[in-house]
C-alpha atoms as a PDB file:
ATOM      1  CA  MET A   1     -31.213  41.508  78.121  1.00  0.00           C
ATOM      2  CA  THR A   2     -30.657  45.195  78.792  1.00  0.00           C
ATOM      3  CA  HIS A   3     -27.460  46.182  80.570  1.00  0.00           C
ATOM      4  CA  GLN A   4     -26.824  49.368  82.587  1.00  0.00           C
ATOM      5  CA  SER A   5     -23.491  50.645  83.888  1.00  0.00           C
ATOM      6  CA  ILE A   6     -23.081  51.450  87.639  1.00  0.00           C
ATOM      7  CA  HIS A   7     -19.266  51.499  87.673  1.00  0.00           C
ATOM      8  CA  SER A   8     -16.887  52.356  84.859  1.00  0.00           C
ATOM      9  CA  GLY A   9     -16.055  49.230  82.897  1.00  0.00           C
ATOM     10  CA  ILE A  10     -18.684  47.089  84.704  1.00  0.00           C
ATOM     11  CA  ARG A  11     -22.093  46.248  83.207  1.00  0.00           C
ATOM     12  CA  LEU A  12     -24.754  44.397  85.186  1.00  0.00           C
ATOM     13  CA  PRO A  13     -28.269  43.213  84.400  1.00  0.00           C
ATOM     14  CA  MET A  14     -30.973  45.699  85.454  1.00  0.00           C
ATOM     15  CA  ARG A  15     -32.545  43.278  87.977  1.00  0.00           C
ATOM     16  CA  LEU A  16     -29.165  42.637  89.590  1.00  0.00           C
ATOM     17  CA  LYS A  17     -28.515  46.361  89.765  1.00  0.00           C
ATOM     18  CA  HIS A  18     -31.837  46.924  91.567  1.00  0.00           C
ATOM     19  CA  PHE A  19     -30.860  44.246  94.074  1.00  0.00           C
ATOM     20  CA  LEU A  20     -27.279  45.394  94.705  1.00  0.00           C
ATOM     21  CA  LEU A  21     -27.807  49.134  94.897  1.00  0.00           C
ATOM     22  CA  PRO A  22     -29.753  49.144  98.214  1.00  0.00           C
ATOM     23  CA  VAL A  23     -27.249  46.639  99.650  1.00  0.00           C
ATOM     24  CA  LEU A  24     -24.306  48.851  98.681  1.00  0.00           C
ATOM     25  CA  LEU A  25     -25.983  51.960 100.088  1.00  0.00           C
ATOM     26  CA  LEU A  26     -26.703  50.157 103.358  1.00  0.00           C
ATOM     27  CA  LEU A  27     -23.100  48.966 103.522  1.00  0.00           C
ATOM     28  CA  PHE A  28     -21.747  52.481 102.928  1.00  0.00           C
ATOM     29  CA  ALA A  29     -24.101  53.926 105.572  1.00  0.00           C
ATOM     30  CA  SER A  30     -23.127  51.282 108.119  1.00  0.00           C
ATOM     31  CA  THR A  31     -19.429  51.916 107.499  1.00  0.00           C
ATOM     32  CA  ALA A  32     -19.873  55.662 107.932  1.00  0.00           C
ATOM     33  CA  LEU A  33     -21.935  55.133 111.098  1.00  0.00           C
ATOM     34  CA  ALA A  34     -19.331  52.814 112.561  1.00  0.00           C
ATOM     35  CA  SER A  35     -16.613  55.319 111.770  1.00  0.00           C
ATOM     36  CA  ASN A  36     -18.528  58.143 113.486  1.00  0.00           C
ATOM     37  CA  SER A  37     -19.342  55.949 116.477  1.00  0.00           C
ATOM     38  CA  THR A  38     -15.682  54.980 116.883  1.00  0.00           C
ATOM     39  CA  SER A  39     -14.561  58.611 116.771  1.00  0.00           C
ATOM     40  CA  GLU A  40     -17.200  59.610 119.350  1.00  0.00           C
ATOM     41  CA  THR A  41     -16.199  56.930 121.852  1.00  0.00           C
ATOM     42  CA  LEU A  42     -12.470  57.533 121.671  1.00  0.00           C
ATOM     43  CA  PRO A  43     -11.268  58.739 125.093  1.00  0.00           C
ATOM     44  CA  THR A  44     -10.220  62.362 125.348  1.00  0.00           C
ATOM     45  CA  PRO A  45      -6.916  62.900 127.191  1.00  0.00           C
ATOM     46  CA  VAL A  46      -6.923  65.483 129.997  1.00  0.00           C
ATOM     47  CA  SER A  47      -4.019  67.404 131.469  1.00  0.00           C
ATOM     48  CA  ILE A  48      -3.408  69.855 134.337  1.00  0.00           C
ATOM     49  CA  THR A  49      -0.458  71.353 136.173  1.00  0.00           C
ATOM     50  CA  ASP A  50      -0.531  70.675 139.916  1.00  0.00           C
ATOM     51  CA  ASP A  51       0.859  72.941 142.629  1.00  0.00           C
ATOM     52  CA  LEU A  52       4.263  71.291 142.497  1.00  0.00           C
ATOM     53  CA  GLY A  53       4.513  72.485 138.899  1.00  0.00           C
ATOM     54  CA  ARG A  54       4.165  68.967 137.506  1.00  0.00           C
ATOM     55  CA  THR A  55       2.084  68.094 134.450  1.00  0.00           C
ATOM     56  CA  ILE A  56      -0.520  65.458 135.304  1.00  0.00           C
ATOM     57  CA  GLU A  57      -1.821  63.657 132.209  1.00  0.00           C
ATOM     58  CA  LEU A  58      -4.623  61.088 132.012  1.00  0.00           C
ATOM     59  CA  GLN A  59      -5.668  59.249 128.874  1.00  0.00           C
ATOM     60  CA  ARG A  60      -9.320  59.932 129.687  1.00  0.00           C
ATOM     61  CA  PRO A  61     -11.254  61.875 132.366  1.00  0.00           C
ATOM     62  CA  ALA A  62     -10.912  60.214 135.761  1.00  0.00           C
ATOM     63  CA  THR A  63     -13.745  57.961 136.911  1.00  0.00           C
ATOM     64  CA  ARG A  64     -11.947  56.377 139.900  1.00  0.00           C
ATOM     65  CA  ILE A  65     -10.565  58.901 142.403  1.00  0.00           C
ATOM     66  CA  ILE A  66      -9.117  58.646 145.899  1.00  0.00           C
ATOM     67  CA  ALA A  67      -8.758  61.882 147.849  1.00  0.00           C
ATOM     68  CA  LEU A  68      -6.338  61.872 150.766  1.00  0.00           C
ATOM     69  CA  TYR A  69      -7.924  65.078 152.058  1.00  0.00           C
ATOM     70  CA  GLY A  70     -11.640  65.382 152.682  1.00  0.00           C
ATOM     71  CA  ALA A  71     -12.155  68.780 151.051  1.00  0.00           C
ATOM     72  CA  PHE A  72     -11.549  67.222 147.633  1.00  0.00           C
ATOM     73  CA  ASN A  73     -14.524  64.905 148.152  1.00  0.00           C
ATOM     74  CA  GLU A  74     -16.724  67.921 148.841  1.00  0.00           C
ATOM     75  CA  MET A  75     -15.429  69.635 145.707  1.00  0.00           C
ATOM     76  CA  LEU A  76     -16.127  66.537 143.598  1.00  0.00           C
ATOM     77  CA  ALA A  77     -19.658  66.393 144.992  1.00  0.00           C
ATOM     78  CA  GLU A  78     -20.194  70.052 143.996  1.00  0.00           C
ATOM     79  CA  LEU A  79     -19.070  69.124 140.487  1.00  0.00           C
ATOM     80  CA  GLY A  80     -21.617  66.319 140.289  1.00  0.00           C
ATOM     81  CA  LYS A  81     -18.794  63.766 140.357  1.00  0.00           C
ATOM     82  CA  GLU A  82     -19.550  62.139 143.689  1.00  0.00           C
ATOM     83  CA  ASP A  83     -19.711  58.748 141.976  1.00  0.00           C
ATOM     84  CA  THR A  84     -16.017  58.961 141.064  1.00  0.00           C
ATOM     85  CA  ILE A  85     -14.988  58.684 144.742  1.00  0.00           C
ATOM     86  CA  ILE A  86     -13.973  55.075 145.394  1.00  0.00           C
ATOM     87  CA  ALA A  87     -12.451  55.306 148.889  1.00  0.00           C
ATOM     88  CA  ARG A  88     -11.951  57.647 151.837  1.00  0.00           C
ATOM     89  CA  THR A  89      -9.602  58.330 154.715  1.00  0.00           C
ATOM     90  CA  LYS A  90     -10.615  57.475 158.284  1.00  0.00           C
ATOM     91  CA  ALA A  91     -11.480  61.079 159.132  1.00  0.00           C
ATOM     92  CA  ASP A  92     -13.748  61.781 156.161  1.00  0.00           C
ATOM     93  CA  ALA A  93     -17.532  61.685 156.387  1.00  0.00           C
ATOM     94  CA  LEU A  94     -18.724  64.118 153.690  1.00  0.00           C
ATOM     95  CA  PRO A  95     -20.521  63.717 151.412  1.00  0.00           C
ATOM     96  CA  VAL A  96     -22.378  61.084 153.429  1.00  0.00           C
ATOM     97  CA  SER A  97     -22.312  58.617 150.523  1.00  0.00           C
ATOM     98  CA  ILE A  98     -18.576  58.009 151.084  1.00  0.00           C
ATOM     99  CA  LEU A  99     -19.220  56.411 154.483  1.00  0.00           C
ATOM    100  CA  SER A 100     -19.874  53.157 152.642  1.00  0.00           C
ATOM    101  CA  LYS A 101     -16.533  53.402 150.807  1.00  0.00           C
ATOM    102  CA  PRO A 102     -13.440  51.511 152.011  1.00  0.00           C
ATOM    103  CA  SER A 103     -11.018  53.373 154.289  1.00  0.00           C
ATOM    104  CA  ILE A 104      -7.412  53.517 153.088  1.00  0.00           C
ATOM    105  CA  GLY A 105      -5.764  55.017 156.176  1.00  0.00           C
ATOM    106  CA  THR A 106      -5.155  58.639 157.103  1.00  0.00           C
ATOM    107  CA  HIS A 107      -4.424  61.862 155.251  1.00  0.00           C
ATOM    108  CA  MET A 108      -0.711  61.648 156.056  1.00  0.00           C
ATOM    109  CA  ARG A 109      -0.362  57.876 156.211  1.00  0.00           C
ATOM    110  CA  PRO A 110      -2.436  56.132 153.556  1.00  0.00           C
ATOM    111  CA  ASN A 111      -1.936  52.396 153.105  1.00  0.00           C
ATOM    112  CA  PRO A 112      -0.217  52.178 149.692  1.00  0.00           C
ATOM    113  CA  GLU A 113      -1.207  48.540 149.122  1.00  0.00           C
ATOM    114  CA  LEU A 114      -4.880  49.298 149.762  1.00  0.00           C
ATOM    115  CA  VAL A 115      -4.745  52.327 147.468  1.00  0.00           C
ATOM    116  CA  ALA A 116      -3.041  50.372 144.682  1.00  0.00           C
ATOM    117  CA  GLY A 117      -5.523  47.503 145.032  1.00  0.00           C
ATOM    118  CA  LEU A 118      -8.425  49.850 144.316  1.00  0.00           C
ATOM    119  CA  ARG A 119      -6.859  50.858 140.961  1.00  0.00           C
ATOM    120  CA  PRO A 120      -7.549  54.607 141.097  1.00  0.00           C
ATOM    121  CA  ASP A 121      -7.139  56.718 137.984  1.00  0.00           C
ATOM    122  CA  ILE A 122      -5.653  59.408 140.210  1.00  0.00           C
ATOM    123  CA  VAL A 123      -5.035  60.221 143.869  1.00  0.00           C
ATOM    124  CA  LEU A 124      -5.440  63.758 145.242  1.00  0.00           C
ATOM    125  CA  GLN A 125      -3.243  65.083 148.044  1.00  0.00           C
ATOM    126  CA  MET A 126      -3.309  68.397 149.919  1.00  0.00           C
ATOM    127  CA  GLY A 127      -0.170  70.285 150.918  1.00  0.00           C
ATOM    128  CA  GLY A 128       0.469  71.823 154.298  1.00  0.00           C
ATOM    129  CA  ARG A 129       3.038  69.578 155.947  1.00  0.00           C
ATOM    130  CA  LYS A 130       6.179  67.950 154.597  1.00  0.00           C
ATOM    131  CA  LYS A 131       4.822  64.512 155.428  1.00  0.00           C
ATOM    132  CA  ALA A 132       2.141  65.003 152.758  1.00  0.00           C
ATOM    133  CA  LEU A 133       4.878  64.816 150.125  1.00  0.00           C
ATOM    134  CA  GLU A 134       6.031  61.445 151.450  1.00  0.00           C
ATOM    135  CA  SER A 135       2.715  59.850 150.513  1.00  0.00           C
ATOM    136  CA  VAL A 136       2.983  61.385 147.025  1.00  0.00           C
ATOM    137  CA  ARG A 137       6.386  59.790 146.404  1.00  0.00           C
ATOM    138  CA  MET A 138       5.305  56.485 147.920  1.00  0.00           C
ATOM    139  CA  LEU A 139       2.247  56.165 145.680  1.00  0.00           C
ATOM    140  CA  GLU A 140       4.004  57.348 142.538  1.00  0.00           C
ATOM    141  CA  GLU A 141       6.611  54.636 143.047  1.00  0.00           C
ATOM    142  CA  LEU A 142       3.716  52.190 142.635  1.00  0.00           C
ATOM    143  CA  GLY A 143       2.798  53.828 139.336  1.00  0.00           C
ATOM    144  CA  ILE A 144      -0.242  55.699 140.700  1.00  0.00           C
ATOM    145  CA  PRO A 145      -0.713  59.272 139.394  1.00  0.00           C
ATOM    146  CA  VAL A 146      -0.945  61.803 142.238  1.00  0.00           C
ATOM    147  CA  ALA A 147      -2.017  65.445 141.907  1.00  0.00           C
ATOM    148  CA  PHE A 148      -0.749  67.702 144.704  1.00  0.00           C
ATOM    149  CA  PHE A 149      -2.555  70.930 145.617  1.00  0.00           C
ATOM    150  CA  SER A 150      -2.081  73.714 148.153  1.00  0.00           C
ATOM    151  CA  ILE A 151      -4.927  76.039 149.145  1.00  0.00           C
ATOM    152  CA  THR A 152      -4.528  79.079 151.389  1.00  0.00           C
ATOM    153  CA  THR A 153      -6.825  81.573 149.618  1.00  0.00           C
ATOM    154  CA  PHE A 154     -10.142  81.593 147.792  1.00  0.00           C
ATOM    155  CA  ASP A 155      -8.369  82.248 144.496  1.00  0.00           C
ATOM    156  CA  GLU A 156      -6.372  79.061 145.026  1.00  0.00           C
ATOM    157  CA  LEU A 157      -9.541  77.188 146.013  1.00  0.00           C
ATOM    158  CA  PHE A 158     -11.284  78.179 142.785  1.00  0.00           C
ATOM    159  CA  SER A 159      -8.197  77.214 140.777  1.00  0.00           C
ATOM    160  CA  VAL A 160      -8.238  73.722 142.285  1.00  0.00           C
ATOM    161  CA  ILE A 161     -11.981  73.291 141.658  1.00  0.00           C
ATOM    162  CA  LYS A 162     -11.458  74.195 137.996  1.00  0.00           C
ATOM    163  CA  ARG A 163      -8.540  71.775 137.661  1.00  0.00           C
ATOM    164  CA  LEU A 164     -10.630  68.999 139.219  1.00  0.00           C
ATOM    165  CA  GLY A 165     -13.257  69.881 136.632  1.00  0.00           C
ATOM    166  CA  THR A 166     -10.669  69.312 133.904  1.00  0.00           C
ATOM    167  CA  LEU A 167      -9.537  66.006 135.410  1.00  0.00           C
ATOM    168  CA  THR A 168     -13.113  64.699 135.586  1.00  0.00           C
ATOM    169  CA  GLY A 169     -14.485  66.142 132.357  1.00  0.00           C
ATOM    170  CA  ALA A 170     -16.685  68.626 134.233  1.00  0.00           C
ATOM    171  CA  GLU A 171     -15.146  71.928 133.170  1.00  0.00           C
ATOM    172  CA  GLU A 172     -18.447  73.717 132.552  1.00  0.00           C
ATOM    173  CA  GLN A 173     -19.829  72.668 135.946  1.00  0.00           C
ATOM    174  CA  ALA A 174     -16.583  73.767 137.626  1.00  0.00           C
ATOM    175  CA  GLU A 175     -16.949  77.201 136.064  1.00  0.00           C
ATOM    176  CA  LEU A 176     -20.539  77.442 137.310  1.00  0.00           C
ATOM    177  CA  VAL A 177     -19.565  76.363 140.830  1.00  0.00           C
ATOM    178  CA  CYS A 178     -16.750  78.903 141.042  1.00  0.00           C
ATOM    179  CA  ASN A 179     -18.920  81.692 139.643  1.00  0.00           C
ATOM    180  CA  ASN A 180     -21.612  80.950 142.235  1.00  0.00           C
ATOM    181  CA  LEU A 181     -19.147  80.877 145.129  1.00  0.00           C
ATOM    182  CA  GLN A 182     -17.490  84.089 143.941  1.00  0.00           C
ATOM    183  CA  ALA A 183     -20.881  85.793 143.663  1.00  0.00           C
ATOM    184  CA  ARG A 184     -21.614  84.943 147.302  1.00  0.00           C
ATOM    185  CA  LEU A 185     -18.261  86.379 148.382  1.00  0.00           C
ATOM    186  CA  ASP A 186     -18.929  89.508 146.336  1.00  0.00           C
ATOM    187  CA  HIS A 187     -22.327  89.876 147.998  1.00  0.00           C
ATOM    188  CA  VAL A 188     -20.705  89.868 151.444  1.00  0.00           C
ATOM    189  CA  GLN A 189     -18.162  92.445 150.291  1.00  0.00           C
ATOM    190  CA  GLN A 190     -20.962  94.659 149.028  1.00  0.00           C
ATOM    191  CA  LEU A 191     -22.815  94.457 152.352  1.00  0.00           C
ATOM    192  CA  LEU A 192     -19.615  95.328 154.227  1.00  0.00           C
ATOM    193  CA  LYS A 193     -18.673  98.140 151.877  1.00  0.00           C
ATOM    194  CA  ASN A 194     -17.473 101.282 153.685  1.00  0.00           C
ATOM    195  CA  THR A 195     -17.374  99.474 157.039  1.00  0.00           C
ATOM    196  CA  GLU A 196     -15.540 101.828 159.358  1.00  0.00           C
ATOM    197  CA  HIS A 197     -14.079  99.287 161.752  1.00  0.00           C
ATOM    198  CA  LYS A 198     -12.642  95.805 161.221  1.00  0.00           C
ATOM    199  CA  PRO A 199     -12.574  93.846 164.493  1.00  0.00           C
ATOM    200  CA  SER A 200      -9.352  92.058 165.456  1.00  0.00           C
ATOM    201  CA  VAL A 201      -9.780  88.279 165.570  1.00  0.00           C
ATOM    202  CA  PHE A 202      -7.902  85.380 167.149  1.00  0.00           C
ATOM    203  CA  PHE A 203      -8.637  81.940 165.734  1.00  0.00           C
ATOM    204  CA  GLU A 204      -7.855  79.157 168.192  1.00  0.00           C
ATOM    205  CA  VAL A 205      -6.799  76.014 166.364  1.00  0.00           C
ATOM    206  CA  ARG A 206      -5.929  74.014 169.499  1.00  0.00           C
ATOM    207  CA  TYR A 207      -5.924  74.399 173.286  1.00  0.00           C
ATOM    208  CA  PRO A 208      -3.960  73.707 175.459  1.00  0.00           C
ATOM    209  CA  ASN A 209      -0.563  73.829 173.713  1.00  0.00           C
ATOM    210  CA  LEU A 210      -2.103  76.844 172.036  1.00  0.00           C
ATOM    211  CA  LEU A 211      -2.051  77.126 168.256  1.00  0.00           C
ATOM    212  CA  GLY A 212      -3.452  80.008 166.252  1.00  0.00           C
ATOM    213  CA  ALA A 213      -4.212  80.343 162.537  1.00  0.00           C
ATOM    214  CA  GLY A 214      -1.508  82.289 160.707  1.00  0.00           C
ATOM    215  CA  ASN A 215      -1.569  84.251 157.460  1.00  0.00           C
ATOM    216  CA  ALA A 216      -0.819  81.265 155.234  1.00  0.00           C
ATOM    217  CA  SER A 217      -4.167  79.574 155.851  1.00  0.00           C
ATOM    218  CA  ILE A 218      -7.651  79.623 154.405  1.00  0.00           C
ATOM    219  CA  VAL A 219      -8.781  80.833 157.845  1.00  0.00           C
ATOM    220  CA  ASN A 220      -6.892  84.074 157.287  1.00  0.00           C
ATOM    221  CA  ASP A 221      -8.690  84.667 153.986  1.00  0.00           C
ATOM    222  CA  ILE A 222     -12.035  83.841 155.616  1.00  0.00           C
ATOM    223  CA  ILE A 223     -11.377  86.457 158.309  1.00  0.00           C
ATOM    224  CA  ASN A 224     -10.360  89.036 155.685  1.00  0.00           C
ATOM    225  CA  HIS A 225     -13.424  88.413 153.515  1.00  0.00           C
ATOM    226  CA  ALA A 226     -15.666  88.595 156.604  1.00  0.00           C
ATOM    227  CA  GLY A 227     -14.392  92.070 157.436  1.00  0.00           C
ATOM    228  CA  GLY A 228     -11.975  91.227 160.239  1.00  0.00           C
ATOM    229  CA  ILE A 229      -8.238  91.365 160.919  1.00  0.00           C
ATOM    230  CA  ASN A 230      -6.285  88.300 161.994  1.00  0.00           C
ATOM    231  CA  ILE A 231      -4.072  89.203 164.978  1.00  0.00           C
ATOM    232  CA  MET A 232      -1.633  86.461 163.923  1.00  0.00           C
ATOM    233  CA  ASP A 233       0.527  88.044 161.231  1.00  0.00           C
ATOM    234  CA  ALA A 234       3.061  85.213 160.826  1.00  0.00           C
ATOM    235  CA  ALA A 235       3.306  83.961 157.219  1.00  0.00           C
ATOM    236  CA  ILE A 236       2.709  80.322 158.185  1.00  0.00           C
ATOM    237  CA  LYS A 237      -0.386  78.177 158.519  1.00  0.00           C
ATOM    238  CA  LEU A 238      -0.234  77.351 162.237  1.00  0.00           C
ATOM    239  CA  VAL A 239       1.407  79.564 164.843  1.00  0.00           C
ATOM    240  CA  ARG A 240       2.520  78.418 168.285  1.00  0.00           C
ATOM    241  CA  ILE A 241       1.684  81.173 170.743  1.00  0.00           C
ATOM    242  CA  ASN A 242       1.513  81.473 174.527  1.00  0.00           C
ATOM    243  CA  GLU A 243      -1.437  82.829 176.471  1.00  0.00           C
ATOM    244  CA  GLU A 244       0.470  85.944 177.505  1.00  0.00           C
ATOM    245  CA  GLU A 245       0.938  86.962 173.890  1.00  0.00           C
ATOM    246  CA  VAL A 246      -2.773  86.503 173.133  1.00  0.00           C
ATOM    247  CA  ILE A 247      -3.623  88.671 176.139  1.00  0.00           C
ATOM    248  CA  LYS A 248      -1.159  91.296 174.936  1.00  0.00           C
ATOM    249  CA  ARG A 249      -2.683  91.389 171.447  1.00  0.00           C
ATOM    250  CA  ASP A 250      -6.149  91.611 173.016  1.00  0.00           C
ATOM    251  CA  PRO A 251      -8.453  90.357 170.217  1.00  0.00           C
ATOM    252  CA  GLU A 252     -11.942  91.837 170.000  1.00  0.00           C
ATOM    253  CA  VAL A 253     -13.346  88.508 168.788  1.00  0.00           C
ATOM    254  CA  TYR A 254     -12.094  85.081 169.878  1.00  0.00           C
ATOM    255  CA  LEU A 255     -13.003  82.076 167.702  1.00  0.00           C
ATOM    256  CA  ILE A 256     -12.579  78.548 169.035  1.00  0.00           C
ATOM    257  CA  GLN A 257     -12.744  75.819 166.446  1.00  0.00           C
ATOM    258  CA  GLN A 258     -14.182  72.484 167.512  1.00  0.00           C
ATOM    259  CA  GLY A 259     -13.341  69.331 165.587  1.00  0.00           C
ATOM    260  CA  ALA A 260     -10.591  66.794 165.132  1.00  0.00           C
ATOM    261  CA  MET A 261      -7.769  69.158 166.102  1.00  0.00           C
ATOM    262  CA  ASN A 262      -9.639  70.657 169.057  1.00  0.00           C
ATOM    263  CA  PRO A 263     -12.240  68.071 170.094  1.00  0.00           C
ATOM    264  CA  ASN A 264     -13.104  69.305 173.601  1.00  0.00           C
ATOM    265  CA  PRO A 265     -12.016  72.927 173.971  1.00  0.00           C
ATOM    266  CA  GLN A 266     -12.024  74.206 177.520  1.00  0.00           C
ATOM    267  CA  PRO A 267     -14.647  76.939 178.033  1.00  0.00           C
ATOM    268  CA  ILE A 268     -12.804  80.229 177.920  1.00  0.00           C
ATOM    269  CA  ARG A 269     -14.404  81.448 181.150  1.00  0.00           C
ATOM    270  CA  LYS A 270     -12.562  78.649 182.943  1.00  0.00           C
ATOM    271  CA  ARG A 271      -9.287  80.102 181.726  1.00  0.00           C
ATOM    272  CA  ALA A 272      -8.825  82.637 184.474  1.00  0.00           C
ATOM    273  CA  HIS A 273      -5.894  84.374 182.792  1.00  0.00           C
ATOM    274  CA  PHE A 274      -8.073  85.236 179.749  1.00  0.00           C
ATOM    275  CA  ARG A 275     -10.590  87.328 181.690  1.00  0.00           C
ATOM    276  CA  THR A 276      -8.999  90.616 180.658  1.00  0.00           C
ATOM    277  CA  ILE A 277      -9.252  89.964 176.916  1.00  0.00           C
ATOM    278  CA  SER A 278     -11.731  92.301 175.211  1.00  0.00           C
ATOM    279  CA  ALA A 279     -13.458  89.384 173.466  1.00  0.00           C
ATOM    280  CA  VAL A 280     -14.165  87.740 176.830  1.00  0.00           C
ATOM    281  CA  LYS A 281     -15.283  90.950 178.568  1.00  0.00           C
ATOM    282  CA  ASN A 282     -17.649  91.786 175.695  1.00  0.00           C
ATOM    283  CA  ASN A 283     -19.039  88.264 175.182  1.00  0.00           C
ATOM    284  CA  ARG A 284     -17.558  87.925 171.713  1.00  0.00           C
ATOM    285  CA  VAL A 285     -16.177  84.399 172.070  1.00  0.00           C
ATOM    286  CA  HIS A 286     -17.684  81.862 169.672  1.00  0.00           C
ATOM    287  CA  VAL A 287     -17.255  78.167 168.995  1.00  0.00           C
ATOM    288  CA  ILE A 288     -17.246  77.381 165.282  1.00  0.00           C
ATOM    289  CA  ASP A 289     -17.050  74.232 163.161  1.00  0.00           C
ATOM    290  CA  GLU A 290     -13.489  73.219 162.334  1.00  0.00           C
ATOM    291  CA  SER A 291     -14.357  71.509 159.064  1.00  0.00           C
ATOM    292  CA  SER A 292     -16.081  74.617 157.692  1.00  0.00           C
ATOM    293  CA  TYR A 293     -13.316  77.054 158.598  1.00  0.00           C
ATOM    294  CA  SER A 294     -10.048  75.127 158.545  1.00  0.00           C
ATOM    295  CA  ARG A 295     -10.837  72.834 155.621  1.00  0.00           C
ATOM    296  CA  PRO A 296     -10.369  74.722 152.328  1.00  0.00           C
ATOM    297  CA  GLY A 297     -13.449  73.607 150.432  1.00  0.00           C
ATOM    298  CA  PRO A 298     -16.779  74.995 149.195  1.00  0.00           C
ATOM    299  CA  ARG A 299     -18.080  75.410 152.763  1.00  0.00           C
ATOM    300  CA  ALA A 300     -15.400  78.036 153.405  1.00  0.00           C
ATOM    301  CA  VAL A 301     -17.703  80.502 151.644  1.00  0.00           C
ATOM    302  CA  SER A 302     -20.450  79.640 154.141  1.00  0.00           C
ATOM    303  CA  ALA A 303     -17.879  80.304 156.872  1.00  0.00           C
ATOM    304  CA  VAL A 304     -17.340  83.820 155.472  1.00  0.00           C
ATOM    305  CA  GLU A 305     -21.072  84.504 155.526  1.00  0.00           C
ATOM    306  CA  GLU A 306     -21.351  83.159 159.068  1.00  0.00           C
ATOM    307  CA  LEU A 307     -18.343  85.068 160.402  1.00  0.00           C
ATOM    308  CA  ALA A 308     -19.353  88.329 158.713  1.00  0.00           C
ATOM    309  CA  ALA A 309     -22.648  88.144 160.633  1.00  0.00           C
ATOM    310  CA  LEU A 310     -20.674  87.695 163.869  1.00  0.00           C
ATOM    311  CA  LEU A 311     -18.256  90.515 163.207  1.00  0.00           C
ATOM    312  CA  HIS A 312     -20.791  92.958 161.712  1.00  0.00           C
ATOM    313  CA  PRO A 313     -24.267  92.099 163.052  1.00  0.00           C
ATOM    314  CA  ASN A 314     -25.530  95.525 161.987  1.00  0.00           C
ATOM    315  CA  ARG A 315     -24.665  94.771 158.354  1.00  0.00           C
ATOM    316  CA  MET A 316     -25.328  91.033 158.085  1.00  0.00           C
ATOM    317  CA  GLN A 317     -28.118  88.682 159.084  1.00  0.00           C
ATOM    318  CA  PRO A 318     -27.126  85.424 160.803  1.00  0.00           C
ATOM    319  CA  THR A 319     -26.853  82.634 158.209  1.00  0.00           C
ATOM    320  CA  SER A 320     -26.707  79.565 160.431  1.00  0.00           C
ATOM    321  CA  HIS A 321     -26.528  78.374 164.016  1.00  0.00           C
ATOM    322  CA  ILE A 322     -23.306  79.167 165.820  1.00  0.00           C
ATOM    323  CA  SER A 323     -22.455  77.801 169.245  1.00  0.00           C
ATOM    324  CA  GLY A 324     -22.946  80.322 172.020  1.00  0.00           C
ATOM    325  CA  ASP A 325     -20.268  82.117 173.940  1.00  0.00           C
ATOM    326  CA  MET A 326     -18.084  79.998 176.138  1.00  0.00           C
END
C-alpha cells in the first residue's frame, strides 16, 4: 500500500488522507470563523466626560436609558435611539412613543426604587438647580451610573448631543445631527447679516411673581441668534424682576412663554401698568411655546428660526404658527 506524508514523521494511507484532509480543512475554517465571530460580538466600552468633570464609563453602548429631563429624550430620538428610552418623568410627552413608558417621578424628585428596578445602563440628568445634584448622588449610591449635563448655549447643546452619540454608539449620526442644526443656525445668521437694528426683548418665564430669562439660559442664546438683545443682563438662568423694572427697560418685543411654568399667562392688555411698554403699544407681544424655547434640545433651533421671523419680518419668512398678540 502506498503511503504519503501530510505531517512530518506521520505517514497515512492515501485513502485515509483523502478522507481526513477535507475534515481538517473544515475544522480549521470553523475554528477561524468562530474566532472572528467572537471578536466581532465582543462589547466595545464607551467613555465620556460629563459636565461635572467626571469620567462616565460603560462596558458597552447604552441600550437602556432613563432621562430625568425631557430634552434628552428628544436628542435620543434625533439620533435614532428612541428605542433605548425605557421610562419617562411625569412631565415628558415627546417623542410620543414614550407615553407608553413607565413614569419614575419628576425631574427633581425621581423615585430611586423605580429607577433601580428598571435596570438602566445609565441615567441622564440636567443641571440648573442644586436639587438636580441630589438625585445624582441618590442614584449613584444605588450603583446606577448618572451623566450630568448643563446646557445654556448652542455650543453646549451640540457637545451634549455628540456625547450622547458616544454613549449610545451613534457617533456618526450625532455628527450629522449637529452639522444639520448648525447649518440652519448659519442660514439664519446669513439672512440677518448686516442688520442695522437688534430689537430689545423681554422673555417672560412666569407671571405673576414675575421671572425673566437671564443670560445663563438657552433662551438668551436663542434671542442672540435670532438677532435680538435680551434686556435681562444678569448672569443667571432665571431673574426675579418687578413690573416697574420691566417698564423702565421698555422692551421692543415682549415674549410670553406658555407651558408648565406659565400655564395660563394673563393677557398683557389686562395688565394696566404695562400699557406704556413699547412692545405693547406697537403690538409686538407674542405667546410662544415653553418647551421649544426654554428646553435646550433640537427644537431650540426651530425657536431661533421662529423668533428671527418675529424680530426681523423684512428679512425672514414665518416658519410656523405663533400665537397672536395678547
